[in-house]
């Protein structure tokens, strides 16, 4: 007998469009670590519903593109070009 797992899901009124997600990503990249969540939402160049904004923030957190510090400020942490550089670097010697 197979067990069924029930997943609790929130009802999302509006799913964000790709251009909206990219706009939020670019704004966070340019203003890295300057804004808390509510102030960031109020400062975006294009207005959107707060619930839609929260869906975008949840996606960016889940995909490890942003982080939120102890003060609640949002910072951009996704730098793939730097990661490639460090992965190709030779490791330090152990003495």
C-alpha atoms as a PDB file:
ATOM      1  CA  UNK A   1       0.000   0.000   0.000  1.00  0.00           C
ATOM      2  CA  UNK A   2       1.563   3.301  -1.100  1.00  0.00           C
ATOM      3  CA  UNK A   3       1.522   6.242   1.266  1.00  0.00           C
ATOM      4  CA  UNK A   4       0.296   9.502  -0.110  1.00  0.00           C
ATOM      5  CA  UNK A   5       2.094  12.634   0.948  1.00  0.00           C
ATOM      6  CA  UNK A   6       0.047  15.774   1.079  1.00  0.00           C
ATOM      7  CA  UNK A   7       1.904  18.966   0.317  1.00  0.00           C
ATOM      8  CA  UNK A   8       0.541  22.207   1.633  1.00  0.00           C
ATOM      9  CA  UNK A   9       0.539  24.864  -1.040  1.00  0.00           C
ATOM     10  CA  UNK A  10      -0.370  28.479  -0.826  1.00  0.00           C
ATOM     11  CA  UNK A  11      -2.841  29.891  -3.263  1.00  0.00           C
ATOM     12  CA  UNK A  12      -1.046  32.380  -5.460  1.00  0.00           C
ATOM     13  CA  UNK A  13      -3.277  35.037  -6.983  1.00  0.00           C
ATOM     14  CA  UNK A  14      -0.816  36.096  -9.663  1.00  0.00           C
ATOM     15  CA  UNK A  15       2.300  34.411 -10.908  1.00  0.00           C
ATOM     16  CA  UNK A  16       5.003  36.849 -12.023  1.00  0.00           C
ATOM     17  CA  UNK A  17       5.989  37.217 -15.657  1.00  0.00           C
ATOM     18  CA  UNK A  18       9.592  36.671 -16.691  1.00  0.00           C
ATOM     19  CA  UNK A  19      10.205  40.362 -17.434  1.00  0.00           C
ATOM     20  CA  UNK A  20       8.985  41.225 -13.928  1.00  0.00           C
ATOM     21  CA  UNK A  21      11.319  38.673 -12.323  1.00  0.00           C
ATOM     22  CA  UNK A  22      14.256  39.990 -14.371  1.00  0.00           C
ATOM     23  CA  UNK A  23      13.406  43.567 -13.383  1.00  0.00           C
ATOM     24  CA  UNK A  24      13.453  42.653  -9.684  1.00  0.00           C
ATOM     25  CA  UNK A  25      16.724  40.707 -10.125  1.00  0.00           C
ATOM     26  CA  UNK A  26      18.391  43.670 -11.861  1.00  0.00           C
ATOM     27  CA  UNK A  27      17.165  46.126  -9.213  1.00  0.00           C
ATOM     28  CA  UNK A  28      18.501  43.935  -6.398  1.00  0.00           C
ATOM     29  CA  UNK A  29      21.843  43.523  -8.228  1.00  0.00           C
ATOM     30  CA  UNK A  30      22.236  47.294  -8.601  1.00  0.00           C
ATOM     31  CA  UNK A  31      21.153  48.068  -5.022  1.00  0.00           C
ATOM     32  CA  UNK A  32      22.907  45.184  -3.313  1.00  0.00           C
ATOM     33  CA  UNK A  33      22.281  45.231   0.447  1.00  0.00           C
ATOM     34  CA  UNK A  34      20.644  48.669   0.584  1.00  0.00           C
ATOM     35  CA  UNK A  35      16.973  47.820   1.093  1.00  0.00           C
ATOM     36  CA  UNK A  36      14.804  45.725   3.343  1.00  0.00           C
ATOM     37  CA  UNK A  37      11.956  43.787   1.741  1.00  0.00           C
ATOM     38  CA  UNK A  38       9.155  46.360   2.086  1.00  0.00           C
ATOM     39  CA  UNK A  39      11.322  49.340   1.060  1.00  0.00           C
ATOM     40  CA  UNK A  40      12.670  47.365  -1.906  1.00  0.00           C
ATOM     41  CA  UNK A  41       9.111  46.687  -3.086  1.00  0.00           C
ATOM     42  CA  UNK A  42       8.216  50.374  -2.757  1.00  0.00           C
ATOM     43  CA  UNK A  43      11.354  51.444  -4.679  1.00  0.00           C
ATOM     44  CA  UNK A  44      10.938  49.213  -7.740  1.00  0.00           C
ATOM     45  CA  UNK A  45      10.669  51.041 -11.079  1.00  0.00           C
ATOM     46  CA  UNK A  46       7.458  49.158 -11.953  1.00  0.00           C
ATOM     47  CA  UNK A  47       4.677  48.698  -9.406  1.00  0.00           C
ATOM     48  CA  UNK A  48       3.261  45.247  -8.669  1.00  0.00           C
ATOM     49  CA  UNK A  49       1.134  43.525  -6.076  1.00  0.00           C
ATOM     50  CA  UNK A  50       2.991  42.742  -2.849  1.00  0.00           C
ATOM     51  CA  UNK A  51       1.984  39.070  -3.082  1.00  0.00           C
ATOM     52  CA  UNK A  52       3.562  38.814  -6.552  1.00  0.00           C
ATOM     53  CA  UNK A  53       6.709  40.470  -5.197  1.00  0.00           C
ATOM     54  CA  UNK A  54       6.820  37.945  -2.331  1.00  0.00           C
ATOM     55  CA  UNK A  55       6.588  35.068  -4.830  1.00  0.00           C
ATOM     56  CA  UNK A  56       9.608  36.506  -6.680  1.00  0.00           C
ATOM     57  CA  UNK A  57      11.590  36.949  -3.459  1.00  0.00           C
ATOM     58  CA  UNK A  58      10.773  33.372  -2.414  1.00  0.00           C
ATOM     59  CA  UNK A  59      11.943  32.113  -5.810  1.00  0.00           C
ATOM     60  CA  UNK A  60      15.208  34.080  -5.611  1.00  0.00           C
ATOM     61  CA  UNK A  61      15.873  32.819  -2.083  1.00  0.00           C
ATOM     62  CA  UNK A  62      15.128  29.231  -3.082  1.00  0.00           C
ATOM     63  CA  UNK A  63      17.429  29.452  -6.128  1.00  0.00           C
ATOM     64  CA  UNK A  64      20.238  30.933  -3.954  1.00  0.00           C
ATOM     65  CA  UNK A  65      20.469  34.174  -5.905  1.00  0.00           C
ATOM     66  CA  UNK A  66      19.778  36.461  -2.945  1.00  0.00           C
ATOM     67  CA  UNK A  67      20.257  36.380   0.791  1.00  0.00           C
ATOM     68  CA  UNK A  68      18.750  38.310   3.681  1.00  0.00           C
ATOM     69  CA  UNK A  69      21.116  39.469   6.409  1.00  0.00           C
ATOM     70  CA  UNK A  70      20.466  39.826  10.137  1.00  0.00           C
ATOM     71  CA  UNK A  71      19.114  43.365   9.643  1.00  0.00           C
ATOM     72  CA  UNK A  72      16.647  42.140   7.006  1.00  0.00           C
ATOM     73  CA  UNK A  73      18.449  43.731   4.053  1.00  0.00           C
ATOM     74  CA  UNK A  74      18.420  41.844   0.765  1.00  0.00           C
ATOM     75  CA  UNK A  75      21.697  41.224  -1.056  1.00  0.00           C
ATOM     76  CA  UNK A  76      22.633  39.634  -4.371  1.00  0.00           C
ATOM     77  CA  UNK A  77      24.898  36.576  -3.955  1.00  0.00           C
ATOM     78  CA  UNK A  78      24.746  34.874  -7.369  1.00  0.00           C
ATOM     79  CA  UNK A  79      28.008  35.451  -9.253  1.00  0.00           C
ATOM     80  CA  UNK A  80      28.611  32.451 -11.576  1.00  0.00           C
ATOM     81  CA  UNK A  81      31.630  34.023 -13.304  1.00  0.00           C
ATOM     82  CA  UNK A  82      33.446  34.395  -9.973  1.00  0.00           C
ATOM     83  CA  UNK A  83      32.560  30.833  -9.033  1.00  0.00           C
ATOM     84  CA  UNK A  84      34.161  29.525 -12.244  1.00  0.00           C
ATOM     85  CA  UNK A  85      37.307  31.533 -11.477  1.00  0.00           C
ATOM     86  CA  UNK A  86      37.606  30.087  -7.959  1.00  0.00           C
ATOM     87  CA  UNK A  87      36.869  26.533  -9.107  1.00  0.00           C
ATOM     88  CA  UNK A  88      39.687  26.769 -11.676  1.00  0.00           C
ATOM     89  CA  UNK A  89      42.154  28.274  -9.183  1.00  0.00           C
ATOM     90  CA  UNK A  90      44.807  26.001  -7.788  1.00  0.00           C
ATOM     91  CA  UNK A  91      44.305  25.040  -4.148  1.00  0.00           C
ATOM     92  CA  UNK A  92      46.654  26.403  -1.495  1.00  0.00           C
ATOM     93  CA  UNK A  93      49.446  24.187  -0.241  1.00  0.00           C
ATOM     94  CA  UNK A  94      49.196  22.588   3.156  1.00  0.00           C
ATOM     95  CA  UNK A  95      52.245  22.919   5.361  1.00  0.00           C
END
